[in-house]
Amino acid sequence: MAKPSRVADAEPLSKSEQTRRRLLEGAMASFSEFGFHGTSTRHIAAAAGMSPAAVYVHYSSKEELLYRISRYGHETILAAVKDAASASDDPVVQLREFARELASYHADKHVSARVVNYELAALEPDHRDEIVAIRKQIDAVLAEILARGIERGVFATPDPSMAAVSIVGSSIDIARWFRDDGAWTSADVGEFYADAALRIAGFTT
């Protein structure tokens, strides 16, 4: 089974919180390996080193676990790309940083990213709508960067919407193929995709 990624920053936790985190990480690893519908509570409990009964003591359903994993992952990505965009008022720098952060995240956190991006259909409608709203905020950050670059004459893409879809979509796909023991590090991937994003945007030197 793939090694689970952490879903929150390290901090002092109560015993109950530690249990909830272990279950989240067990669910993340299981969903990544078996898919949401192929995962049972036994898979989650085994990955967390607990009994199946522990799942429903702390979470109402498998779907709640998926929702919490998805919300945390998307909120983390949104914060990262917002920070990247605010690092400079130069749209070229902003796009490089946006693409680097997005790509390196999907490489470094590929286990959780596979779950976050490829299991959305399994969420209940209200939860899915909430996650889609966060995704739209991520897209809006990129759209503003591209629009600013076009206005300043440094980007020359004929279709900024398609450029945005290409940049985000290709980064999301990293989670599908990236492996920790592969030839490239997450930093390598981030740099490559940062350069690629400028080409997609039609960067003019």
N, C-alpha and C. Protein backbone atom coordinates (compact mmCIF):
# COMPACT_ATOMS: atom_id res chain seq x y z
N MET A 1 0.84 -1.20 0.00
CA MET A 1 0.00 0.00 0.00
C MET A 1 0.87 1.24 0.00
N ALA A 2 0.45 2.27 -0.73
CA ALA A 2 1.23 3.51 -0.79
C ALA A 2 1.31 4.16 0.57
N LYS A 3 2.44 4.78 0.84
CA LYS A 3 2.63 5.47 2.10
C LYS A 3 1.74 6.70 2.16
N PRO A 4 0.87 6.84 3.19
CA PRO A 4 -0.05 7.96 3.24
C PRO A 4 0.68 9.27 3.48
N SER A 5 0.15 10.34 2.88
CA SER A 5 0.67 11.68 3.14
C SER A 5 -0.02 12.24 4.37
N ARG A 6 0.61 13.21 5.00
CA ARG A 6 -0.02 13.83 6.15
C ARG A 6 -1.05 14.81 5.67
N VAL A 7 -2.13 15.00 6.46
CA VAL A 7 -3.22 15.85 6.04
C VAL A 7 -3.32 17.12 6.89
N ALA A 8 -2.39 17.34 7.77
CA ALA A 8 -2.39 18.57 8.56
C ALA A 8 -0.98 18.80 9.09
N ASP A 9 -0.70 20.02 9.45
CA ASP A 9 0.62 20.36 9.96
C ASP A 9 0.83 19.73 11.34
N ALA A 10 2.07 19.39 11.66
CA ALA A 10 2.39 18.77 12.95
C ALA A 10 2.10 19.75 14.08
N GLU A 11 1.39 19.29 15.11
CA GLU A 11 1.08 20.10 16.27
C GLU A 11 0.62 19.16 17.39
N PRO A 12 0.66 19.62 18.66
CA PRO A 12 0.20 18.77 19.75
C PRO A 12 -1.27 18.40 19.57
N LEU A 13 -1.58 17.12 19.68
CA LEU A 13 -2.94 16.66 19.46
C LEU A 13 -3.41 15.81 20.62
N SER A 14 -4.72 15.88 20.90
CA SER A 14 -5.31 15.00 21.89
C SER A 14 -5.35 13.58 21.33
N LYS A 15 -5.60 12.60 22.19
CA LYS A 15 -5.66 11.21 21.74
C LYS A 15 -6.75 11.04 20.69
N SER A 16 -7.89 11.68 20.89
CA SER A 16 -8.99 11.59 19.93
C SER A 16 -8.59 12.20 18.59
N GLU A 17 -7.93 13.34 18.65
CA GLU A 17 -7.50 13.99 17.41
C GLU A 17 -6.45 13.15 16.68
N GLN A 18 -5.57 12.52 17.45
CA GLN A 18 -4.57 11.64 16.83
C GLN A 18 -5.25 10.48 16.12
N THR A 19 -6.29 9.92 16.74
CA THR A 19 -7.02 8.82 16.13
C THR A 19 -7.71 9.27 14.85
N ARG A 20 -8.34 10.44 14.91
CA ARG A 20 -9.02 10.97 13.72
C ARG A 20 -8.03 11.19 12.58
N ARG A 21 -6.86 11.69 12.91
CA ARG A 21 -5.85 11.92 11.87
C ARG A 21 -5.39 10.60 11.28
N ARG A 22 -5.15 9.62 12.13
CA ARG A 22 -4.71 8.31 11.62
C ARG A 22 -5.75 7.72 10.68
N LEU A 23 -7.02 7.90 11.01
CA LEU A 23 -8.08 7.40 10.14
C LEU A 23 -8.12 8.17 8.82
N LEU A 24 -7.92 9.47 8.88
CA LEU A 24 -7.86 10.26 7.65
C LEU A 24 -6.72 9.79 6.75
N GLU A 25 -5.57 9.56 7.36
CA GLU A 25 -4.41 9.12 6.57
C GLU A 25 -4.62 7.70 6.04
N GLY A 26 -5.27 6.85 6.85
CA GLY A 26 -5.60 5.51 6.38
C GLY A 26 -6.59 5.54 5.22
N ALA A 27 -7.57 6.44 5.33
CA ALA A 27 -8.55 6.59 4.25
C ALA A 27 -7.88 7.13 2.99
N MET A 28 -6.98 8.09 3.16
CA MET A 28 -6.29 8.67 2.02
C MET A 28 -5.50 7.61 1.26
N ALA A 29 -4.74 6.80 1.98
CA ALA A 29 -3.94 5.75 1.35
C ALA A 29 -4.84 4.72 0.67
N SER A 30 -5.93 4.37 1.32
CA SER A 30 -6.84 3.36 0.77
C SER A 30 -7.58 3.87 -0.45
N PHE A 31 -8.09 5.10 -0.39
CA PHE A 31 -8.77 5.67 -1.55
C PHE A 31 -7.82 5.79 -2.73
N SER A 32 -6.57 6.15 -2.45
CA SER A 32 -5.58 6.29 -3.52
C SER A 32 -5.29 4.96 -4.19
N GLU A 33 -5.24 3.89 -3.38
CA GLU A 33 -4.89 2.58 -3.94
C GLU A 33 -6.08 1.86 -4.56
N PHE A 34 -7.24 1.91 -3.88
CA PHE A 34 -8.38 1.11 -4.31
C PHE A 34 -9.50 1.92 -4.95
N GLY A 35 -9.42 3.26 -4.87
CA GLY A 35 -10.54 4.09 -5.29
C GLY A 35 -11.57 4.16 -4.17
N PHE A 36 -12.41 5.20 -4.21
CA PHE A 36 -13.40 5.37 -3.14
C PHE A 36 -14.33 4.17 -3.06
N HIS A 37 -14.90 3.77 -4.20
CA HIS A 37 -15.90 2.70 -4.17
C HIS A 37 -15.28 1.34 -3.89
N GLY A 38 -14.00 1.18 -4.18
CA GLY A 38 -13.33 -0.08 -3.91
C GLY A 38 -12.78 -0.19 -2.50
N THR A 39 -12.90 0.89 -1.74
CA THR A 39 -12.37 0.91 -0.36
C THR A 39 -13.46 0.55 0.63
N SER A 40 -13.15 -0.33 1.54
CA SER A 40 -14.07 -0.69 2.62
C SER A 40 -13.56 -0.08 3.93
N THR A 41 -14.41 -0.11 4.93
CA THR A 41 -13.97 0.38 6.25
C THR A 41 -12.85 -0.49 6.79
N ARG A 42 -12.80 -1.75 6.37
CA ARG A 42 -11.71 -2.63 6.80
C ARG A 42 -10.38 -2.16 6.21
N HIS A 43 -10.40 -1.73 4.96
CA HIS A 43 -9.19 -1.18 4.35
C HIS A 43 -8.69 0.03 5.14
N ILE A 44 -9.61 0.93 5.44
CA ILE A 44 -9.24 2.16 6.15
C ILE A 44 -8.69 1.84 7.53
N ALA A 45 -9.41 0.97 8.25
CA ALA A 45 -8.99 0.62 9.60
C ALA A 45 -7.63 -0.08 9.59
N ALA A 46 -7.43 -0.98 8.63
CA ALA A 46 -6.16 -1.70 8.55
C ALA A 46 -5.01 -0.73 8.27
N ALA A 47 -5.23 0.22 7.36
CA ALA A 47 -4.19 1.21 7.04
C ALA A 47 -3.87 2.09 8.24
N ALA A 48 -4.89 2.30 9.09
CA ALA A 48 -4.70 3.14 10.28
C ALA A 48 -4.24 2.33 11.49
N GLY A 49 -4.20 1.00 11.37
CA GLY A 49 -3.81 0.15 12.49
C GLY A 49 -4.86 0.09 13.57
N MET A 50 -6.15 0.09 13.15
CA MET A 50 -7.25 0.08 14.12
C MET A 50 -8.28 -0.96 13.72
N SER A 51 -9.31 -1.11 14.54
CA SER A 51 -10.41 -2.01 14.23
C SER A 51 -11.41 -1.27 13.34
N PRO A 52 -12.17 -1.99 12.50
CA PRO A 52 -13.16 -1.34 11.64
C PRO A 52 -14.17 -0.49 12.40
N ALA A 53 -14.49 -0.88 13.64
CA ALA A 53 -15.46 -0.12 14.42
C ALA A 53 -14.99 1.29 14.71
N ALA A 54 -13.67 1.50 14.72
CA ALA A 54 -13.14 2.83 15.05
C ALA A 54 -13.53 3.87 14.02
N VAL A 55 -13.74 3.45 12.77
CA VAL A 55 -14.07 4.41 11.72
C VAL A 55 -15.34 5.16 12.05
N TYR A 56 -16.40 4.42 12.42
CA TYR A 56 -17.69 5.05 12.65
C TYR A 56 -17.82 5.69 14.03
N VAL A 57 -16.86 5.43 14.89
CA VAL A 57 -16.83 6.15 16.16
C VAL A 57 -16.44 7.60 15.92
N HIS A 58 -15.57 7.82 14.95
CA HIS A 58 -15.02 9.16 14.72
C HIS A 58 -15.55 9.86 13.47
N TYR A 59 -16.08 9.11 12.51
CA TYR A 59 -16.59 9.70 11.28
C TYR A 59 -17.93 9.06 10.93
N SER A 60 -18.82 9.85 10.38
CA SER A 60 -20.16 9.34 10.10
C SER A 60 -20.20 8.40 8.92
N SER A 61 -19.23 8.54 8.00
CA SER A 61 -19.27 7.72 6.79
C SER A 61 -17.93 7.78 6.06
N LYS A 62 -17.76 6.90 5.08
CA LYS A 62 -16.60 6.99 4.18
C LYS A 62 -16.61 8.34 3.46
N GLU A 63 -17.79 8.78 3.09
CA GLU A 63 -17.90 10.03 2.33
C GLU A 63 -17.41 11.21 3.16
N GLU A 64 -17.67 11.20 4.46
CA GLU A 64 -17.16 12.30 5.29
C GLU A 64 -15.64 12.33 5.28
N LEU A 65 -15.02 11.17 5.33
CA LEU A 65 -13.56 11.11 5.26
C LEU A 65 -13.06 11.68 3.93
N LEU A 66 -13.70 11.29 2.83
CA LEU A 66 -13.31 11.81 1.52
C LEU A 66 -13.49 13.32 1.46
N TYR A 67 -14.59 13.81 1.99
CA TYR A 67 -14.86 15.25 1.99
C TYR A 67 -13.79 16.01 2.77
N ARG A 68 -13.42 15.53 3.93
CA ARG A 68 -12.43 16.23 4.75
C ARG A 68 -11.06 16.21 4.08
N ILE A 69 -10.70 15.10 3.47
CA ILE A 69 -9.44 15.02 2.73
C ILE A 69 -9.46 15.99 1.56
N SER A 70 -10.57 16.02 0.82
CA SER A 70 -10.69 16.88 -0.35
C SER A 70 -10.66 18.35 0.03
N ARG A 71 -11.38 18.70 1.09
CA ARG A 71 -11.41 20.11 1.49
C ARG A 71 -10.04 20.58 1.95
N TYR A 72 -9.37 19.77 2.76
CA TYR A 72 -8.04 20.17 3.23
C TYR A 72 -7.08 20.32 2.05
N GLY A 73 -7.09 19.36 1.13
CA GLY A 73 -6.18 19.43 -0.01
C GLY A 73 -6.42 20.65 -0.87
N HIS A 74 -7.67 20.94 -1.17
CA HIS A 74 -7.98 22.10 -2.02
C HIS A 74 -7.68 23.42 -1.31
N GLU A 75 -7.98 23.49 -0.03
CA GLU A 75 -7.67 24.72 0.71
C GLU A 75 -6.17 24.96 0.77
N THR A 76 -5.40 23.88 0.90
CA THR A 76 -3.94 24.00 0.92
C THR A 76 -3.41 24.51 -0.41
N ILE A 77 -3.93 23.95 -1.51
CA ILE A 77 -3.51 24.40 -2.84
C ILE A 77 -3.90 25.85 -3.07
N LEU A 78 -5.11 26.22 -2.69
CA LEU A 78 -5.56 27.60 -2.88
C LEU A 78 -4.66 28.57 -2.14
N ALA A 79 -4.32 28.26 -0.90
CA ALA A 79 -3.44 29.14 -0.12
C ALA A 79 -2.07 29.25 -0.78
N ALA A 80 -1.56 28.13 -1.31
CA ALA A 80 -0.23 28.12 -1.93
C ALA A 80 -0.20 28.97 -3.18
N VAL A 81 -1.22 28.85 -4.04
CA VAL A 81 -1.19 29.62 -5.29
C VAL A 81 -1.49 31.10 -5.04
N LYS A 82 -2.28 31.40 -4.02
CA LYS A 82 -2.49 32.81 -3.66
C LYS A 82 -1.19 33.44 -3.18
N ASP A 83 -0.46 32.70 -2.36
CA ASP A 83 0.85 33.21 -1.90
C ASP A 83 1.79 33.41 -3.08
N ALA A 84 1.75 32.48 -4.03
CA ALA A 84 2.62 32.58 -5.21
C ALA A 84 2.28 33.82 -6.02
N ALA A 85 1.00 34.08 -6.19
CA ALA A 85 0.58 35.22 -6.99
C ALA A 85 0.88 36.54 -6.30
N SER A 86 0.94 36.54 -4.99
CA SER A 86 1.20 37.78 -4.25
C SER A 86 2.68 38.04 -4.04
N ALA A 87 3.53 37.13 -4.54
CA ALA A 87 4.97 37.27 -4.33
C ALA A 87 5.58 38.38 -5.18
N SER A 88 4.86 38.81 -6.21
CA SER A 88 5.37 39.83 -7.12
C SER A 88 4.21 40.47 -7.85
N ASP A 89 4.42 41.65 -8.42
CA ASP A 89 3.40 42.25 -9.28
C ASP A 89 3.71 42.02 -10.75
N ASP A 90 4.76 41.24 -11.01
CA ASP A 90 5.16 40.89 -12.37
C ASP A 90 4.42 39.61 -12.77
N PRO A 91 3.56 39.64 -13.78
CA PRO A 91 2.78 38.44 -14.15
C PRO A 91 3.65 37.27 -14.58
N VAL A 92 4.83 37.53 -15.10
CA VAL A 92 5.73 36.44 -15.47
C VAL A 92 6.20 35.69 -14.23
N VAL A 93 6.61 36.43 -13.23
CA VAL A 93 7.02 35.82 -11.96
C VAL A 93 5.83 35.13 -11.31
N GLN A 94 4.67 35.78 -11.35
CA GLN A 94 3.48 35.20 -10.75
C GLN A 94 3.12 33.87 -11.40
N LEU A 95 3.17 33.81 -12.73
CA LEU A 95 2.82 32.58 -13.42
C LEU A 95 3.82 31.47 -13.12
N ARG A 96 5.10 31.81 -13.12
CA ARG A 96 6.12 30.81 -12.79
C ARG A 96 5.88 30.24 -11.40
N GLU A 97 5.63 31.13 -10.43
CA GLU A 97 5.44 30.68 -9.06
C GLU A 97 4.15 29.89 -8.91
N PHE A 98 3.09 30.34 -9.57
CA PHE A 98 1.82 29.62 -9.53
C PHE A 98 2.02 28.20 -10.05
N ALA A 99 2.61 28.09 -11.25
CA ALA A 99 2.79 26.77 -11.87
C ALA A 99 3.74 25.89 -11.07
N ARG A 100 4.82 26.49 -10.53
CA ARG A 100 5.77 25.72 -9.74
C ARG A 100 5.08 25.16 -8.49
N GLU A 101 4.34 25.99 -7.80
CA GLU A 101 3.66 25.54 -6.58
C GLU A 101 2.64 24.45 -6.90
N LEU A 102 1.85 24.66 -7.95
CA LEU A 102 0.81 23.69 -8.28
C LEU A 102 1.41 22.35 -8.67
N ALA A 103 2.44 22.39 -9.51
CA ALA A 103 3.05 21.15 -9.98
C ALA A 103 3.81 20.42 -8.87
N SER A 104 4.61 21.15 -8.12
CA SER A 104 5.39 20.50 -7.07
C SER A 104 4.49 19.93 -5.98
N TYR A 105 3.36 20.60 -5.71
CA TYR A 105 2.41 20.07 -4.74
C TYR A 105 1.87 18.72 -5.21
N HIS A 106 1.46 18.65 -6.48
CA HIS A 106 0.88 17.40 -6.98
C HIS A 106 1.90 16.28 -7.08
N ALA A 107 3.18 16.64 -7.14
CA ALA A 107 4.23 15.61 -7.08
C ALA A 107 4.50 15.22 -5.64
N ASP A 108 4.76 16.19 -4.80
CA ASP A 108 5.13 15.92 -3.41
C ASP A 108 4.00 15.24 -2.64
N LYS A 109 2.76 15.62 -2.92
CA LYS A 109 1.58 15.07 -2.23
C LYS A 109 0.76 14.19 -3.17
N HIS A 110 1.44 13.39 -3.98
CA HIS A 110 0.73 12.67 -5.03
C HIS A 110 -0.29 11.67 -4.51
N VAL A 111 -0.07 11.12 -3.34
CA VAL A 111 -1.04 10.17 -2.79
C VAL A 111 -2.36 10.88 -2.50
N SER A 112 -2.30 11.97 -1.73
CA SER A 112 -3.52 12.70 -1.42
C SER A 112 -4.09 13.39 -2.65
N ALA A 113 -3.21 13.87 -3.54
CA ALA A 113 -3.68 14.60 -4.72
C ALA A 113 -4.48 13.69 -5.65
N ARG A 114 -4.12 12.40 -5.73
CA ARG A 114 -4.92 11.49 -6.55
C ARG A 114 -6.33 11.39 -6.00
N VAL A 115 -6.44 11.35 -4.69
CA VAL A 115 -7.76 11.27 -4.06
C VAL A 115 -8.52 12.57 -4.27
N VAL A 116 -7.86 13.68 -3.99
CA VAL A 116 -8.49 15.00 -4.05
C VAL A 116 -9.03 15.30 -5.45
N ASN A 117 -8.30 14.89 -6.47
CA ASN A 117 -8.68 15.27 -7.84
C ASN A 117 -9.50 14.24 -8.59
N TYR A 118 -9.36 12.97 -8.24
CA TYR A 118 -10.00 11.94 -9.05
C TYR A 118 -11.18 11.24 -8.39
N GLU A 119 -11.56 11.67 -7.19
CA GLU A 119 -12.69 11.04 -6.51
C GLU A 119 -13.80 12.04 -6.21
N LEU A 120 -13.80 13.16 -6.91
CA LEU A 120 -14.81 14.19 -6.65
C LEU A 120 -16.24 13.68 -6.86
N ALA A 121 -16.42 12.83 -7.85
CA ALA A 121 -17.77 12.35 -8.17
C ALA A 121 -18.39 11.57 -7.03
N ALA A 122 -17.58 11.07 -6.11
CA ALA A 122 -18.10 10.28 -5.00
C ALA A 122 -18.62 11.14 -3.85
N LEU A 123 -18.37 12.44 -3.90
CA LEU A 123 -18.83 13.33 -2.85
C LEU A 123 -20.33 13.57 -2.96
N GLU A 124 -20.97 13.79 -1.83
CA GLU A 124 -22.38 14.20 -1.84
C GLU A 124 -22.49 15.58 -2.49
N PRO A 125 -23.65 15.89 -3.09
CA PRO A 125 -23.78 17.13 -3.86
C PRO A 125 -23.33 18.39 -3.13
N ASP A 126 -23.73 18.56 -1.87
CA ASP A 126 -23.35 19.77 -1.13
C ASP A 126 -21.84 19.84 -0.93
N HIS A 127 -21.26 18.73 -0.61
CA HIS A 127 -19.80 18.70 -0.42
C HIS A 127 -19.07 18.92 -1.75
N ARG A 128 -19.58 18.30 -2.80
CA ARG A 128 -18.95 18.49 -4.11
C ARG A 128 -19.02 19.96 -4.54
N ASP A 129 -20.17 20.59 -4.31
CA ASP A 129 -20.32 22.00 -4.66
C ASP A 129 -19.32 22.87 -3.90
N GLU A 130 -19.08 22.53 -2.65
CA GLU A 130 -18.12 23.28 -1.84
C GLU A 130 -16.70 23.15 -2.41
N ILE A 131 -16.34 21.94 -2.79
CA ILE A 131 -15.00 21.72 -3.35
C ILE A 131 -14.87 22.39 -4.71
N VAL A 132 -15.90 22.30 -5.53
CA VAL A 132 -15.87 22.94 -6.85
C VAL A 132 -15.70 24.45 -6.70
N ALA A 133 -16.32 25.03 -5.68
CA ALA A 133 -16.18 26.47 -5.44
C ALA A 133 -14.73 26.84 -5.13
N ILE A 134 -14.04 25.98 -4.38
CA ILE A 134 -12.62 26.24 -4.09
C ILE A 134 -11.80 26.11 -5.37
N ARG A 135 -12.11 25.11 -6.18
CA ARG A 135 -11.40 24.93 -7.45
C ARG A 135 -11.58 26.17 -8.34
N LYS A 136 -12.75 26.74 -8.32
CA LYS A 136 -12.99 27.94 -9.12
C LYS A 136 -12.15 29.11 -8.62
N GLN A 137 -11.92 29.17 -7.32
CA GLN A 137 -11.04 30.23 -6.78
C GLN A 137 -9.60 30.04 -7.26
N ILE A 138 -9.16 28.79 -7.31
CA ILE A 138 -7.82 28.49 -7.83
C ILE A 138 -7.73 28.93 -9.29
N ASP A 139 -8.75 28.56 -10.07
CA ASP A 139 -8.77 28.95 -11.48
C ASP A 139 -8.78 30.46 -11.64
N ALA A 140 -9.49 31.15 -10.74
CA ALA A 140 -9.58 32.61 -10.83
C ALA A 140 -8.23 33.28 -10.61
N VAL A 141 -7.42 32.72 -9.71
CA VAL A 141 -6.08 33.26 -9.48
C VAL A 141 -5.28 33.20 -10.76
N LEU A 142 -5.33 32.06 -11.44
CA LEU A 142 -4.59 31.90 -12.69
C LEU A 142 -5.14 32.80 -13.78
N ALA A 143 -6.45 32.90 -13.88
CA ALA A 143 -7.07 33.74 -14.91
C ALA A 143 -6.63 35.20 -14.76
N GLU A 144 -6.53 35.66 -13.52
CA GLU A 144 -6.10 37.04 -13.28
C GLU A 144 -4.65 37.25 -13.69
N ILE A 145 -3.80 36.26 -13.42
CA ILE A 145 -2.39 36.36 -13.81
C ILE A 145 -2.27 36.43 -15.33
N LEU A 146 -2.98 35.55 -16.03
CA LEU A 146 -2.91 35.53 -17.48
C LEU A 146 -3.46 36.83 -18.08
N ALA A 147 -4.57 37.31 -17.53
CA ALA A 147 -5.16 38.55 -18.04
C ALA A 147 -4.20 39.73 -17.85
N ARG A 148 -3.54 39.76 -16.70
CA ARG A 148 -2.59 40.85 -16.43
C ARG A 148 -1.39 40.77 -17.38
N GLY A 149 -0.94 39.55 -17.64
CA GLY A 149 0.19 39.38 -18.56
C GLY A 149 -0.15 39.77 -19.99
N ILE A 150 -1.37 39.44 -20.41
CA ILE A 150 -1.81 39.82 -21.76
C ILE A 150 -1.94 41.33 -21.86
N GLU A 151 -2.51 41.93 -20.83
CA GLU A 151 -2.67 43.39 -20.81
C GLU A 151 -1.32 44.10 -20.89
N ARG A 152 -0.31 43.54 -20.25
CA ARG A 152 1.02 44.17 -20.25
C ARG A 152 1.87 43.77 -21.46
N GLY A 153 1.33 42.86 -22.26
CA GLY A 153 2.03 42.48 -23.48
C GLY A 153 3.13 41.46 -23.30
N VAL A 154 3.15 40.75 -22.17
CA VAL A 154 4.19 39.74 -21.96
C VAL A 154 3.69 38.33 -22.25
N PHE A 155 2.36 38.14 -22.31
CA PHE A 155 1.78 36.87 -22.71
C PHE A 155 1.00 37.09 -24.01
N ALA A 156 1.08 36.11 -24.90
CA ALA A 156 0.44 36.27 -26.21
C ALA A 156 -0.40 35.06 -26.59
N THR A 157 -0.97 34.36 -25.61
CA THR A 157 -1.80 33.23 -25.94
C THR A 157 -3.09 33.70 -26.63
N PRO A 158 -3.50 33.03 -27.70
CA PRO A 158 -4.74 33.42 -28.37
C PRO A 158 -5.99 33.00 -27.60
N ASP A 159 -5.83 32.09 -26.64
CA ASP A 159 -6.99 31.60 -25.89
C ASP A 159 -6.57 31.39 -24.43
N PRO A 160 -6.68 32.45 -23.60
CA PRO A 160 -6.24 32.32 -22.21
C PRO A 160 -7.00 31.27 -21.41
N SER A 161 -8.27 31.04 -21.77
CA SER A 161 -9.04 30.02 -21.04
C SER A 161 -8.46 28.63 -21.30
N MET A 162 -8.14 28.35 -22.56
CA MET A 162 -7.54 27.05 -22.87
C MET A 162 -6.15 26.94 -22.26
N ALA A 163 -5.41 28.04 -22.25
CA ALA A 163 -4.09 28.02 -21.62
C ALA A 163 -4.21 27.66 -20.14
N ALA A 164 -5.19 28.26 -19.48
CA ALA A 164 -5.39 27.99 -18.06
C ALA A 164 -5.75 26.53 -17.82
N VAL A 165 -6.64 25.98 -18.64
CA VAL A 165 -7.02 24.58 -18.50
C VAL A 165 -5.81 23.67 -18.71
N SER A 166 -4.96 24.02 -19.68
CA SER A 166 -3.76 23.22 -19.95
C SER A 166 -2.80 23.24 -18.77
N ILE A 167 -2.59 24.41 -18.20
CA ILE A 167 -1.65 24.55 -17.07
C ILE A 167 -2.15 23.77 -15.86
N VAL A 168 -3.41 23.95 -15.51
CA VAL A 168 -3.96 23.29 -14.33
C VAL A 168 -4.12 21.79 -14.57
N GLY A 169 -4.66 21.44 -15.73
CA GLY A 169 -4.92 20.03 -16.02
C GLY A 169 -3.65 19.19 -16.06
N SER A 170 -2.61 19.72 -16.68
CA SER A 170 -1.36 18.96 -16.75
C SER A 170 -0.74 18.81 -15.37
N SER A 171 -0.90 19.79 -14.51
CA SER A 171 -0.37 19.70 -13.15
C SER A 171 -1.13 18.67 -12.32
N ILE A 172 -2.44 18.66 -12.46
CA ILE A 172 -3.24 17.67 -11.75
C ILE A 172 -2.83 16.25 -12.13
N ASP A 173 -2.52 16.05 -13.40
CA ASP A 173 -2.18 14.71 -13.88
C ASP A 173 -0.87 14.19 -13.30
N ILE A 174 -0.05 15.08 -12.77
CA ILE A 174 1.21 14.65 -12.14
C ILE A 174 0.94 13.63 -11.04
N ALA A 175 -0.14 13.84 -10.30
CA ALA A 175 -0.46 12.94 -9.19
C ALA A 175 -0.69 11.52 -9.67
N ARG A 176 -1.08 11.37 -10.92
CA ARG A 176 -1.35 10.03 -11.46
C ARG A 176 -0.06 9.26 -11.73
N TRP A 177 0.99 9.96 -12.22
CA TRP A 177 2.19 9.22 -12.64
C TRP A 177 3.41 9.41 -11.75
N PHE A 178 3.42 10.42 -10.89
CA PHE A 178 4.62 10.67 -10.09
C PHE A 178 4.80 9.58 -9.04
N ARG A 179 6.07 9.18 -8.85
CA ARG A 179 6.40 8.19 -7.82
C ARG A 179 7.62 8.68 -7.05
N ASP A 180 7.64 8.41 -5.76
CA ASP A 180 8.73 8.88 -4.90
C ASP A 180 10.08 8.30 -5.30
N ASP A 181 10.07 7.11 -5.88
CA ASP A 181 11.33 6.48 -6.26
C ASP A 181 11.64 6.66 -7.74
N GLY A 182 11.00 7.61 -8.38
CA GLY A 182 11.22 7.86 -9.79
C GLY A 182 12.46 8.69 -10.06
N ALA A 183 12.63 9.04 -11.33
CA ALA A 183 13.85 9.74 -11.76
C ALA A 183 13.85 11.22 -11.37
N TRP A 184 12.66 11.79 -11.12
CA TRP A 184 12.56 13.22 -10.87
C TRP A 184 12.07 13.50 -9.46
N THR A 185 12.57 14.57 -8.88
CA THR A 185 12.07 15.04 -7.59
C THR A 185 10.89 15.98 -7.82
N SER A 186 10.18 16.27 -6.76
CA SER A 186 9.07 17.22 -6.89
C SER A 186 9.57 18.60 -7.29
N ALA A 187 10.80 18.96 -6.87
CA ALA A 187 11.39 20.24 -7.28
C ALA A 187 11.68 20.25 -8.78
N ASP A 188 12.18 19.12 -9.30
CA ASP A 188 12.42 19.00 -10.74
C ASP A 188 11.13 19.23 -11.52
N VAL A 189 10.08 18.59 -11.05
CA VAL A 189 8.78 18.70 -11.73
C VAL A 189 8.28 20.14 -11.66
N GLY A 190 8.41 20.76 -10.50
CA GLY A 190 7.95 22.14 -10.36
C GLY A 190 8.64 23.08 -11.32
N GLU A 191 9.94 22.94 -11.46
CA GLU A 191 10.71 23.81 -12.37
C GLU A 191 10.31 23.58 -13.82
N PHE A 192 10.16 22.32 -14.20
CA PHE A 192 9.80 22.01 -15.58
C PHE A 192 8.43 22.59 -15.92
N TYR A 193 7.46 22.42 -15.03
CA TYR A 193 6.11 22.89 -15.31
C TYR A 193 6.02 24.41 -15.21
N ALA A 194 6.87 25.03 -14.43
CA ALA A 194 6.92 26.50 -14.40
C ALA A 194 7.35 27.04 -15.76
N ASP A 195 8.38 26.43 -16.34
CA ASP A 195 8.83 26.83 -17.68
C ASP A 195 7.76 26.54 -18.73
N ALA A 196 7.12 25.37 -18.59
CA ALA A 196 6.09 24.99 -19.55
C ALA A 196 4.91 25.95 -19.51
N ALA A 197 4.54 26.42 -18.32
CA ALA A 197 3.42 27.34 -18.19
C ALA A 197 3.68 28.64 -18.96
N LEU A 198 4.92 29.12 -18.92
CA LEU A 198 5.25 30.34 -19.66
C LEU A 198 5.11 30.10 -21.16
N ARG A 199 5.52 28.93 -21.63
CA ARG A 199 5.38 28.63 -23.05
C ARG A 199 3.91 28.54 -23.44
N ILE A 200 3.12 27.90 -22.60
CA ILE A 200 1.68 27.78 -22.89
C ILE A 200 1.04 29.17 -22.94
N ALA A 201 1.48 30.06 -22.07
CA ALA A 201 0.92 31.41 -22.02
C ALA A 201 1.43 32.30 -23.15
N GLY A 202 2.37 31.80 -23.92
CA GLY A 202 2.91 32.60 -25.02
C GLY A 202 3.81 33.72 -24.53
N PHE A 203 4.64 33.39 -23.55
CA PHE A 203 5.54 34.40 -22.99
C PHE A 203 6.46 34.95 -24.09
N THR A 204 6.52 36.25 -24.17
CA THR A 204 7.36 36.92 -25.16
C THR A 204 8.50 37.63 -24.45
N THR A 205 9.72 37.30 -24.81
CA THR A 205 10.88 37.90 -24.14
C THR A 205 11.21 39.24 -24.76
